[in-house]
Amino acid sequence: MRLDPMNPYRHAVETGIAYAHMRAERWEDALRWAERALQSQPNTGNAARAIAISKAMMGQFDEARQAVKKLLELDPEARISNRPLLYVSAEFRARITDALRKAGMPE
């Protein structure tokens, strides 16, 4: 996929693609797109969150903790309770919540 390199909102598209891959449980693809988004816009908390979730869901908890740390630098108010994934099943949300807990995300 080619995106306009001059588009100031490219990171939003890349983050959206990352979240689409997460919903399909394609964690490696989600991670790749989230990392691209964070590279495009280093201040995007949603991409940092997607990285934390993807790494945690792949069992890479040390790296997920680093991603949570980055997320909290970008968005100090981010918590599991105030940044829920929308439009997903309760079972999927519970799995993501558990993974974020293991990665050290505050409640």
PDB file of N, CA and C in Angstrom:
ATOM      1  N   MET A   1       0.843  -1.172   0.000  1.00  0.00           N
ATOM      2  CA  MET A   1       0.000   0.000   0.000  1.00  0.00           C
ATOM      3  C   MET A   1       0.886   1.232   0.000  1.00  0.00           C
ATOM      4  N   ARG A   2       0.551   2.180  -0.828  1.00  0.00           N
ATOM      5  CA  ARG A   2       1.307   3.413  -0.894  1.00  0.00           C
ATOM      6  C   ARG A   2       0.469   4.543  -0.316  1.00  0.00           C
ATOM      7  N   LEU A   3       1.080   5.267   0.594  1.00  0.00           N
ATOM      8  CA  LEU A   3       0.430   6.424   1.187  1.00  0.00           C
ATOM      9  C   LEU A   3       1.211   7.669   0.799  1.00  0.00           C
ATOM     10  N   ASP A   4       0.514   8.764   0.670  1.00  0.00           N
ATOM     11  CA  ASP A   4       1.155  10.027   0.339  1.00  0.00           C
ATOM     12  C   ASP A   4       2.140  10.387   1.446  1.00  0.00           C
ATOM     13  N   PRO A   5       3.435  10.448   1.149  1.00  0.00           N
ATOM     14  CA  PRO A   5       4.411  10.733   2.203  1.00  0.00           C
ATOM     15  C   PRO A   5       4.303  12.149   2.770  1.00  0.00           C
ATOM     16  N   MET A   6       3.601  13.029   2.084  1.00  0.00           N
ATOM     17  CA  MET A   6       3.457  14.404   2.553  1.00  0.00           C
ATOM     18  C   MET A   6       2.157  14.628   3.333  1.00  0.00           C
ATOM     19  N   ASN A   7       1.307  13.629   3.391  1.00  0.00           N
ATOM     20  CA  ASN A   7       0.029  13.764   4.087  1.00  0.00           C
ATOM     21  C   ASN A   7       0.282  13.863   5.591  1.00  0.00           C
ATOM     22  N   PRO A   8      -0.119  14.976   6.219  1.00  0.00           N
ATOM     23  CA  PRO A   8       0.136  15.118   7.650  1.00  0.00           C
ATOM     24  C   PRO A   8      -0.685  14.166   8.520  1.00  0.00           C
ATOM     25  N   TYR A   9      -1.655  13.487   7.932  1.00  0.00           N
ATOM     26  CA  TYR A   9      -2.496  12.554   8.693  1.00  0.00           C
ATOM     27  C   TYR A   9      -2.183  11.096   8.356  1.00  0.00           C
ATOM     28  N   ARG A  10      -1.062  10.861   7.705  1.00  0.00           N
ATOM     29  CA  ARG A  10      -0.690   9.502   7.329  1.00  0.00           C
ATOM     30  C   ARG A  10      -0.649   8.589   8.549  1.00  0.00           C
ATOM     31  N   HIS A  11      -0.160   9.118   9.672  1.00  0.00           N
ATOM     32  CA  HIS A  11      -0.068   8.291  10.880  1.00  0.00           C
ATOM     33  C   HIS A  11      -1.440   7.785  11.328  1.00  0.00           C
ATOM     34  N   ALA A  12      -2.481   8.577  11.090  1.00  0.00           N
ATOM     35  CA  ALA A  12      -3.825   8.158  11.488  1.00  0.00           C
ATOM     36  C   ALA A  12      -4.286   6.968  10.646  1.00  0.00           C
ATOM     37  N   VAL A  13      -3.974   6.989   9.363  1.00  0.00           N
ATOM     38  CA  VAL A  13      -4.323   5.861   8.494  1.00  0.00           C
ATOM     39  C   VAL A  13      -3.544   4.625   8.924  1.00  0.00           C
ATOM     40  N   GLU A  14      -2.252   4.794   9.182  1.00  0.00           N
ATOM     41  CA  GLU A  14      -1.416   3.661   9.600  1.00  0.00           C
ATOM     42  C   GLU A  14      -1.896   3.095  10.934  1.00  0.00           C
ATOM     43  N   THR A  15      -2.283   3.965  11.859  1.00  0.00           N
ATOM     44  CA  THR A  15      -2.810   3.496  13.140  1.00  0.00           C
ATOM     45  C   THR A  15      -4.122   2.744  12.936  1.00  0.00           C
ATOM     46  N   GLY A  16      -4.974   3.264  12.071  1.00  0.00           N
ATOM     47  CA  GLY A  16      -6.238   2.584  11.776  1.00  0.00           C
ATOM     48  C   GLY A  16      -6.016   1.198  11.197  1.00  0.00           C
ATOM     49  N   ILE A  17      -5.028   1.076  10.319  1.00  0.00           N
ATOM     50  CA  ILE A  17      -4.703  -0.229   9.745  1.00  0.00           C
ATOM     51  C   ILE A  17      -4.189  -1.163  10.845  1.00  0.00           C
ATOM     52  N   ALA A  18      -3.384  -0.628  11.756  1.00  0.00           N
ATOM     53  CA  ALA A  18      -2.890  -1.440  12.872  1.00  0.00           C
ATOM     54  C   ALA A  18      -4.055  -1.983  13.700  1.00  0.00           C
ATOM     55  N   TYR A  19      -5.023  -1.121  14.018  1.00  0.00           N
ATOM     56  CA  TYR A  19      -6.168  -1.566  14.820  1.00  0.00           C
ATOM     57  C   TYR A  19      -7.031  -2.572  14.051  1.00  0.00           C
ATOM     58  N   ALA A  20      -7.133  -2.423  12.738  1.00  0.00           N
ATOM     59  CA  ALA A  20      -7.873  -3.409  11.944  1.00  0.00           C
ATOM     60  C   ALA A  20      -7.191  -4.772  12.028  1.00  0.00           C
ATOM     61  N   HIS A  21      -5.867  -4.785  11.945  1.00  0.00           N
ATOM     62  CA  HIS A  21      -5.141  -6.046  12.084  1.00  0.00           C
ATOM     63  C   HIS A  21      -5.307  -6.620  13.487  1.00  0.00           C
ATOM     64  N   MET A  22      -5.332  -5.767  14.497  1.00  0.00           N
ATOM     65  CA  MET A  22      -5.542  -6.266  15.862  1.00  0.00           C
ATOM     66  C   MET A  22      -6.899  -6.947  15.972  1.00  0.00           C
ATOM     67  N   ARG A  23      -7.918  -6.340  15.406  1.00  0.00           N
ATOM     68  CA  ARG A  23      -9.251  -6.951  15.498  1.00  0.00           C
ATOM     69  C   ARG A  23      -9.293  -8.304  14.810  1.00  0.00           C
ATOM     70  N   ALA A  24      -8.434  -8.484  13.791  1.00  0.00           N
ATOM     71  CA  ALA A  24      -8.361  -9.770  13.097  1.00  0.00           C
ATOM     72  C   ALA A  24      -7.338 -10.699  13.754  1.00  0.00           C
ATOM     73  N   GLU A  25      -6.749 -10.245  14.861  1.00  0.00           N
ATOM     74  CA  GLU A  25      -5.760 -10.994  15.627  1.00  0.00           C
ATOM     75  C   GLU A  25      -4.516 -11.335  14.798  1.00  0.00           C
ATOM     76  N   ARG A  26      -4.149 -10.432  13.923  1.00  0.00           N
ATOM     77  CA  ARG A  26      -2.900 -10.537  13.165  1.00  0.00           C
ATOM     78  C   ARG A  26      -1.893  -9.612  13.853  1.00  0.00           C
ATOM     79  N   TRP A  27      -1.317 -10.105  14.934  1.00  0.00           N
ATOM     80  CA  TRP A  27      -0.523  -9.268  15.834  1.00  0.00           C
ATOM     81  C   TRP A  27       0.747  -8.741  15.192  1.00  0.00           C
ATOM     82  N   GLU A  28       1.424  -9.564  14.384  1.00  0.00           N
ATOM     83  CA  GLU A  28       2.654  -9.094  13.734  1.00  0.00           C
ATOM     84  C   GLU A  28       2.352  -7.957  12.765  1.00  0.00           C
ATOM     85  N   ASP A  29       1.276  -8.105  11.998  1.00  0.00           N
ATOM     86  CA  ASP A  29       0.891  -7.051  11.058  1.00  0.00           C
ATOM     87  C   ASP A  29       0.470  -5.786  11.805  1.00  0.00           C
ATOM     88  N   ALA A  30      -0.269  -5.969  12.885  1.00  0.00           N
ATOM     89  CA  ALA A  30      -0.684  -4.820  13.693  1.00  0.00           C
ATOM     90  C   ALA A  30       0.535  -4.090  14.232  1.00  0.00           C
ATOM     91  N   LEU A  31       1.495  -4.843  14.723  1.00  0.00           N
ATOM     92  CA  LEU A  31       2.714  -4.247  15.262  1.00  0.00           C
ATOM     93  C   LEU A  31       3.466  -3.471  14.188  1.00  0.00           C
ATOM     94  N   ARG A  32       3.596  -4.049  13.019  1.00  0.00           N
ATOM     95  CA  ARG A  32       4.327  -3.383  11.925  1.00  0.00           C
ATOM     96  C   ARG A  32       3.676  -2.044  11.561  1.00  0.00           C
ATOM     97  N   TRP A  33       2.346  -2.037  11.441  1.00  0.00           N
ATOM     98  CA  TRP A  33       1.656  -0.795  11.077  1.00  0.00           C
ATOM     99  C   TRP A  33       1.699   0.221  12.216  1.00  0.00           C
ATOM    100  N   ALA A  34       1.593  -0.240  13.440  1.00  0.00           N
ATOM    101  CA  ALA A  34       1.657   0.683  14.579  1.00  0.00           C
ATOM    102  C   ALA A  34       3.047   1.312  14.676  1.00  0.00           C
ATOM    103  N   GLU A  35       4.072   0.518  14.429  1.00  0.00           N
ATOM    104  CA  GLU A  35       5.430   1.067  14.448  1.00  0.00           C
ATOM    105  C   GLU A  35       5.627   2.086  13.341  1.00  0.00           C
ATOM    106  N   ARG A  36       5.042   1.828  12.173  1.00  0.00           N
ATOM    107  CA  ARG A  36       5.102   2.809  11.077  1.00  0.00           C
ATOM    108  C   ARG A  36       4.408   4.096  11.484  1.00  0.00           C
ATOM    109  N   ALA A  37       3.254   3.974  12.123  1.00  0.00           N
ATOM    110  CA  ALA A  37       2.507   5.156  12.548  1.00  0.00           C
ATOM    111  C   ALA A  37       3.304   5.975  13.553  1.00  0.00           C
ATOM    112  N   LEU A  38       3.944   5.294  14.494  1.00  0.00           N
ATOM    113  CA  LEU A  38       4.734   5.995  15.504  1.00  0.00           C
ATOM    114  C   LEU A  38       5.962   6.649  14.872  1.00  0.00           C
ATOM    115  N   GLN A  39       6.485   6.031  13.838  1.00  0.00           N
ATOM    116  CA  GLN A  39       7.609   6.631  13.115  1.00  0.00           C
ATOM    117  C   GLN A  39       7.133   7.864  12.341  1.00  0.00           C
ATOM    118  N   SER A  40       5.940   7.788  11.755  1.00  0.00           N
ATOM    119  CA  SER A  40       5.390   8.921  11.008  1.00  0.00           C
ATOM    120  C   SER A  40       5.057  10.090  11.925  1.00  0.00           C
ATOM    121  N   GLN A  41       4.550   9.773  13.123  1.00  0.00           N
ATOM    122  CA  GLN A  41       4.160  10.806  14.087  1.00  0.00           C
ATOM    123  C   GLN A  41       4.529  10.292  15.478  1.00  0.00           C
ATOM    124  N   PRO A  42       5.702  10.670  15.973  1.00  0.00           N
ATOM    125  CA  PRO A  42       6.186  10.136  17.253  1.00  0.00           C
ATOM    126  C   PRO A  42       5.329  10.484  18.471  1.00  0.00           C
ATOM    127  N   ASN A  43       4.368  11.348  18.322  1.00  0.00           N
ATOM    128  CA  ASN A  43       3.536  11.751  19.459  1.00  0.00           C
ATOM    129  C   ASN A  43       2.147  11.131  19.445  1.00  0.00           C
ATOM    130  N   THR A  44       1.954  10.060  18.716  1.00  0.00           N
ATOM    131  CA  THR A  44       0.630   9.462  18.649  1.00  0.00           C
ATOM    132  C   THR A  44       0.480   8.329  19.673  1.00  0.00           C
ATOM    133  N   GLY A  45      -0.286   8.602  20.697  1.00  0.00           N
ATOM    134  CA  GLY A  45      -0.513   7.625  21.756  1.00  0.00           C
ATOM    135  C   GLY A  45      -1.244   6.388  21.290  1.00  0.00           C
ATOM    136  N   ASN A  46      -2.160   6.540  20.333  1.00  0.00           N
ATOM    137  CA  ASN A  46      -2.900   5.372  19.849  1.00  0.00           C
ATOM    138  C   ASN A  46      -1.977   4.340  19.222  1.00  0.00           C
ATOM    139  N   ALA A  47      -0.946   4.794  18.522  1.00  0.00           N
ATOM    140  CA  ALA A  47       0.010   3.853  17.931  1.00  0.00           C
ATOM    141  C   ALA A  47       0.821   3.173  19.032  1.00  0.00           C
ATOM    142  N   ALA A  48       1.236   3.923  20.029  1.00  0.00           N
ATOM    143  CA  ALA A  48       1.985   3.334  21.149  1.00  0.00           C
ATOM    144  C   ALA A  48       1.131   2.289  21.862  1.00  0.00           C
ATOM    145  N   ARG A  49      -0.141   2.571  21.998  1.00  0.00           N
ATOM    146  CA  ARG A  49      -1.054   1.609  22.634  1.00  0.00           C
ATOM    147  C   ARG A  49      -1.187   0.347  21.792  1.00  0.00           C
ATOM    148  N   ALA A  50      -1.283   0.525  20.481  1.00  0.00           N
ATOM    149  CA  ALA A  50      -1.380  -0.633  19.588  1.00  0.00           C
ATOM    150  C   ALA A  50      -0.120  -1.485  19.669  1.00  0.00           C
ATOM    151  N   ILE A  51       1.034  -0.847  19.807  1.00  0.00           N
ATOM    152  CA  ILE A  51       2.284  -1.590  19.962  1.00  0.00           C
ATOM    153  C   ILE A  51       2.262  -2.377  21.270  1.00  0.00           C
ATOM    154  N   ALA A  52       1.838  -1.733  22.348  1.00  0.00           N
ATOM    155  CA  ALA A  52       1.774  -2.409  23.646  1.00  0.00           C
ATOM    156  C   ALA A  52       0.835  -3.614  23.589  1.00  0.00           C
ATOM    157  N   ILE A  53      -0.333  -3.425  23.012  1.00  0.00           N
ATOM    158  CA  ILE A  53      -1.300  -4.523  22.919  1.00  0.00           C
ATOM    159  C   ILE A  53      -0.739  -5.654  22.065  1.00  0.00           C
ATOM    160  N   SER A  54      -0.202  -5.321  20.900  1.00  0.00           N
ATOM    161  CA  SER A  54       0.305  -6.353  19.988  1.00  0.00           C
ATOM    162  C   SER A  54       1.422  -7.159  20.628  1.00  0.00           C
ATOM    163  N   LYS A  55       2.372  -6.468  21.246  1.00  0.00           N
ATOM    164  CA  LYS A  55       3.485  -7.174  21.874  1.00  0.00           C
ATOM    165  C   LYS A  55       2.995  -8.032  23.041  1.00  0.00           C
ATOM    166  N   ALA A  56       2.071  -7.510  23.821  1.00  0.00           N
ATOM    167  CA  ALA A  56       1.538  -8.292  24.935  1.00  0.00           C
ATOM    168  C   ALA A  56       0.785  -9.517  24.431  1.00  0.00           C
ATOM    169  N   MET A  57       0.014  -9.356  23.377  1.00  0.00           N
ATOM    170  CA  MET A  57      -0.742 -10.492  22.851  1.00  0.00           C
ATOM    171  C   MET A  57       0.174 -11.541  22.229  1.00  0.00           C
ATOM    172  N   MET A  58       1.381 -11.139  21.840  1.00  0.00           N
ATOM    173  CA  MET A  58       2.363 -12.093  21.320  1.00  0.00           C
ATOM    174  C   MET A  58       3.231 -12.665  22.432  1.00  0.00           C
ATOM    175  N   GLY A  59       2.948 -12.257  23.689  1.00  0.00           N
ATOM    176  CA  GLY A  59       3.702 -12.774  24.823  1.00  0.00           C
ATOM    177  C   GLY A  59       5.039 -12.091  25.041  1.00  0.00           C
ATOM    178  N   GLN A  60       5.270 -10.993  24.389  1.00  0.00           N
ATOM    179  CA  GLN A  60       6.524 -10.231  24.523  1.00  0.00           C
ATOM    180  C   GLN A  60       6.343  -9.156  25.603  1.00  0.00           C
ATOM    181  N   PHE A  61       6.238  -9.595  26.844  1.00  0.00           N
ATOM    182  CA  PHE A  61       5.829  -8.681  27.913  1.00  0.00           C
ATOM    183  C   PHE A  61       6.879  -7.642  28.278  1.00  0.00           C
ATOM    184  N   ASP A  62       8.156  -7.966  28.182  1.00  0.00           N
ATOM    185  CA  ASP A  62       9.176  -6.947  28.469  1.00  0.00           C
ATOM    186  C   ASP A  62       9.071  -5.804  27.459  1.00  0.00           C
ATOM    187  N   GLU A  63       8.928  -6.158  26.181  1.00  0.00           N
ATOM    188  CA  GLU A  63       8.792  -5.134  25.146  1.00  0.00           C
ATOM    189  C   GLU A  63       7.449  -4.412  25.277  1.00  0.00           C
ATOM    190  N   ALA A  64       6.414  -5.130  25.673  1.00  0.00           N
ATOM    191  CA  ALA A  64       5.106  -4.500  25.879  1.00  0.00           C
ATOM    192  C   ALA A  64       5.184  -3.471  27.006  1.00  0.00           C
ATOM    193  N   ARG A  65       5.941  -3.785  28.058  1.00  0.00           N
ATOM    194  CA  ARG A  65       6.109  -2.825  29.159  1.00  0.00           C
ATOM    195  C   ARG A  65       6.812  -1.553  28.687  1.00  0.00           C
ATOM    196  N   GLN A  66       7.777  -1.709  27.794  1.00  0.00           N
ATOM    197  CA  GLN A  66       8.444  -0.526  27.228  1.00  0.00           C
ATOM    198  C   GLN A  66       7.452   0.303  26.412  1.00  0.00           C
ATOM    199  N   ALA A  67       6.578  -0.364  25.686  1.00  0.00           N
ATOM    200  CA  ALA A  67       5.568   0.347  24.898  1.00  0.00           C
ATOM    201  C   ALA A  67       4.567   1.060  25.809  1.00  0.00           C
ATOM    202  N   VAL A  68       4.199   0.434  26.923  1.00  0.00           N
ATOM    203  CA  VAL A  68       3.311   1.082  27.895  1.00  0.00           C
ATOM    204  C   VAL A  68       3.998   2.318  28.469  1.00  0.00           C
ATOM    205  N   LYS A  69       5.273   2.199  28.756  1.00  0.00           N
ATOM    206  CA  LYS A  69       6.031   3.350  29.267  1.00  0.00           C
ATOM    207  C   LYS A  69       5.988   4.497  28.262  1.00  0.00           C
ATOM    208  N   LYS A  70       6.205   4.195  26.986  1.00  0.00           N
ATOM    209  CA  LYS A  70       6.135   5.213  25.928  1.00  0.00           C
ATOM    210  C   LYS A  70       4.734   5.811  25.864  1.00  0.00           C
ATOM    211  N   LEU A  71       3.721   4.968  25.925  1.00  0.00           N
ATOM    212  CA  LEU A  71       2.335   5.440  25.898  1.00  0.00           C
ATOM    213  C   LEU A  71       2.078   6.417  27.040  1.00  0.00           C
ATOM    214  N   LEU A  72       2.528   6.069  28.233  1.00  0.00           N
ATOM    215  CA  LEU A  72       2.272   6.929  29.393  1.00  0.00           C
ATOM    216  C   LEU A  72       3.076   8.227  29.328  1.00  0.00           C
ATOM    217  N   GLU A  73       4.200   8.219  28.636  1.00  0.00           N
ATOM    218  CA  GLU A  73       4.918   9.477  28.396  1.00  0.00           C
ATOM    219  C   GLU A  73       4.100  10.385  27.483  1.00  0.00           C
ATOM    220  N   LEU A  74       3.473   9.787  26.470  1.00  0.00           N
ATOM    221  CA  LEU A  74       2.682  10.552  25.513  1.00  0.00           C
ATOM    222  C   LEU A  74       1.319  10.941  26.073  1.00  0.00           C
ATOM    223  N   ASP A  75       0.745  10.063  26.875  1.00  0.00           N
ATOM    224  CA  ASP A  75      -0.611  10.254  27.402  1.00  0.00           C
ATOM    225  C   ASP A  75      -0.639   9.798  28.863  1.00  0.00           C
ATOM    226  N   PRO A  76      -0.192  10.670  29.784  1.00  0.00           N
ATOM    227  CA  PRO A  76      -0.083  10.282  31.194  1.00  0.00           C
ATOM    228  C   PRO A  76      -1.410   9.850  31.830  1.00  0.00           C
ATOM    229  N   GLU A  77      -2.517  10.238  31.257  1.00  0.00           N
ATOM    230  CA  GLU A  77      -3.827   9.871  31.809  1.00  0.00           C
ATOM    231  C   GLU A  77      -4.342   8.537  31.268  1.00  0.00           C
ATOM    232  N   ALA A  78      -3.619   7.902  30.366  1.00  0.00           N
ATOM    233  CA  ALA A  78      -4.082   6.646  29.770  1.00  0.00           C
ATOM    234  C   ALA A  78      -4.184   5.562  30.828  1.00  0.00           C
ATOM    235  N   ARG A  79      -5.298   4.900  30.838  1.00  0.00           N
ATOM    236  CA  ARG A  79      -5.569   3.797  31.753  1.00  0.00           C
ATOM    237  C   ARG A  79      -6.356   2.737  30.997  1.00  0.00           C
ATOM    238  N   ILE A  80      -6.336   1.541  31.504  1.00  0.00           N
ATOM    239  CA  ILE A  80      -7.155   0.487  30.917  1.00  0.00           C
ATOM    240  C   ILE A  80      -8.617   0.921  30.931  1.00  0.00           C
ATOM    241  N   SER A  81      -9.028   1.512  32.032  1.00  0.00           N
ATOM    242  CA  SER A  81     -10.441   1.853  32.221  1.00  0.00           C
ATOM    243  C   SER A  81     -10.923   3.018  31.368  1.00  0.00           C
ATOM    244  N   ASN A  82     -10.032   3.896  30.944  1.00  0.00           N
ATOM    245  CA  ASN A  82     -10.529   5.058  30.205  1.00  0.00           C
ATOM    246  C   ASN A  82     -10.148   5.050  28.730  1.00  0.00           C
ATOM    247  N   ARG A  83      -9.579   3.979  28.255  1.00  0.00           N
ATOM    248  CA  ARG A  83      -9.258   3.858  26.827  1.00  0.00           C
ATOM    249  C   ARG A  83      -9.683   2.478  26.309  1.00  0.00           C
ATOM    250  N   PRO A  84     -10.979   2.158  26.425  1.00  0.00           N
ATOM    251  CA  PRO A  84     -11.409   0.819  26.003  1.00  0.00           C
ATOM    252  C   PRO A  84     -11.394   0.681  24.477  1.00  0.00           C
ATOM    253  N   LEU A  85     -11.191  -0.539  24.017  1.00  0.00           N
ATOM    254  CA  LEU A  85     -11.368  -0.801  22.590  1.00  0.00           C
ATOM    255  C   LEU A  85     -12.858  -0.815  22.317  1.00  0.00           C
ATOM    256  N   LEU A  86     -13.264  -0.109  21.301  1.00  0.00           N
ATOM    257  CA  LEU A  86     -14.677  -0.024  20.957  1.00  0.00           C
ATOM    258  C   LEU A  86     -15.038  -1.050  19.891  1.00  0.00           C
ATOM    259  N   TYR A  87     -16.279  -1.423  19.871  1.00  0.00           N
ATOM    260  CA  TYR A  87     -16.839  -2.283  18.836  1.00  0.00           C
ATOM    261  C   TYR A  87     -16.168  -3.650  18.769  1.00  0.00           C
ATOM    262  N   VAL A  88     -15.814  -4.179  19.913  1.00  0.00           N
ATOM    263  CA  VAL A  88     -15.278  -5.538  19.973  1.00  0.00           C
ATOM    264  C   VAL A  88     -16.096  -6.325  20.990  1.00  0.00           C
ATOM    265  N   SER A  89     -16.004  -7.634  20.901  1.00  0.00           N
ATOM    266  CA  SER A  89     -16.761  -8.476  21.830  1.00  0.00           C
ATOM    267  C   SER A  89     -16.205  -8.338  23.240  1.00  0.00           C
ATOM    268  N   ALA A  90     -17.024  -8.679  24.198  1.00  0.00           N
ATOM    269  CA  ALA A  90     -16.601  -8.638  25.600  1.00  0.00           C
ATOM    270  C   ALA A  90     -15.431  -9.600  25.823  1.00  0.00           C
ATOM    271  N   GLU A  91     -15.463 -10.742  25.168  1.00  0.00           N
ATOM    272  CA  GLU A  91     -14.386 -11.732  25.316  1.00  0.00           C
ATOM    273  C   GLU A  91     -13.067 -11.170  24.782  1.00  0.00           C
ATOM    274  N   PHE A  92     -13.094 -10.539  23.620  1.00  0.00           N
ATOM    275  CA  PHE A  92     -11.891  -9.960  23.029  1.00  0.00           C
ATOM    276  C   PHE A  92     -11.368  -8.824  23.906  1.00  0.00           C
ATOM    277  N   ARG A  93     -12.265  -7.969  24.366  1.00  0.00           N
ATOM    278  CA  ARG A  93     -11.878  -6.864  25.247  1.00  0.00           C
ATOM    279  C   ARG A  93     -11.228  -7.386  26.525  1.00  0.00           C
ATOM    280  N   ALA A  94     -11.758  -8.480  27.082  1.00  0.00           N
ATOM    281  CA  ALA A  94     -11.188  -9.073  28.297  1.00  0.00           C
ATOM    282  C   ALA A  94      -9.777  -9.596  28.039  1.00  0.00           C
ATOM    283  N   ARG A  95      -9.556 -10.193  26.890  1.00  0.00           N
ATOM    284  CA  ARG A  95      -8.215 -10.685  26.554  1.00  0.00           C
ATOM    285  C   ARG A  95      -7.225  -9.534  26.408  1.00  0.00           C
ATOM    286  N   ILE A  96      -7.663  -8.462  25.768  1.00  0.00           N
ATOM    287  CA  ILE A  96      -6.803  -7.279  25.595  1.00  0.00           C
ATOM    288  C   ILE A  96      -6.510  -6.657  26.959  1.00  0.00           C
ATOM    289  N   THR A  97      -7.532  -6.550  27.786  1.00  0.00           N
ATOM    290  CA  THR A  97      -7.367  -5.976  29.121  1.00  0.00           C
ATOM    291  C   THR A  97      -6.374  -6.794  29.937  1.00  0.00           C
ATOM    292  N   ASP A  98      -6.496  -8.102  29.887  1.00  0.00           N
ATOM    293  CA  ASP A  98      -5.565  -8.966  30.608  1.00  0.00           C
ATOM    294  C   ASP A  98      -4.134  -8.779  30.103  1.00  0.00           C
ATOM    295  N   ALA A  99      -3.978  -8.690  28.787  1.00  0.00           N
ATOM    296  CA  ALA A  99      -2.644  -8.488  28.206  1.00  0.00           C
ATOM    297  C   ALA A  99      -2.060  -7.148  28.641  1.00  0.00           C
ATOM    298  N   LEU A 100      -2.879  -6.102  28.651  1.00  0.00           N
ATOM    299  CA  LEU A 100      -2.389  -4.790  29.088  1.00  0.00           C
ATOM    300  C   LEU A 100      -2.008  -4.800  30.568  1.00  0.00           C
ATOM    301  N   ARG A 101      -2.760  -5.503  31.376  1.00  0.00           N
ATOM    302  CA  ARG A 101      -2.396  -5.635  32.795  1.00  0.00           C
ATOM    303  C   ARG A 101      -1.015  -6.281  32.941  1.00  0.00           C
ATOM    304  N   LYS A 102      -0.799  -7.355  32.198  1.00  0.00           N
ATOM    305  CA  LYS A 102       0.485  -8.043  32.248  1.00  0.00           C
ATOM    306  C   LYS A 102       1.621  -7.145  31.744  1.00  0.00           C
ATOM    307  N   ALA A 103       1.285  -6.193  30.895  1.00  0.00           N
ATOM    308  CA  ALA A 103       2.290  -5.261  30.372  1.00  0.00           C
ATOM    309  C   ALA A 103       2.491  -4.052  31.280  1.00  0.00           C
ATOM    310  N   GLY A 104       1.733  -4.011  32.381  1.00  0.00           N
ATOM    311  CA  GLY A 104       1.926  -2.941  33.352  1.00  0.00           C
ATOM    312  C   GLY A 104       1.099  -1.696  33.134  1.00  0.00           C
ATOM    313  N   MET A 105       0.071  -1.777  32.310  1.00  0.00           N
ATOM    314  CA  MET A 105      -0.798  -0.625  32.080  1.00  0.00           C
ATOM    315  C   MET A 105      -1.614  -0.360  33.339  1.00  0.00           C
ATOM    316  N   PRO A 106      -1.646   0.884  33.819  1.00  0.00           N
ATOM    317  CA  PRO A 106      -2.455   1.192  35.010  1.00  0.00           C
ATOM    318  C   PRO A 106      -3.943   0.959  34.767  1.00  0.00           C
ATOM    319  N   GLU A 107      -4.628   0.614  35.840  1.00  0.00           N
ATOM    320  CA  GLU A 107      -6.071   0.397  35.767  1.00  0.00           C
ATOM    321  C   GLU A 107      -6.781   1.715  35.524  1.00  0.00           C
TER     322      GLU A 107
END
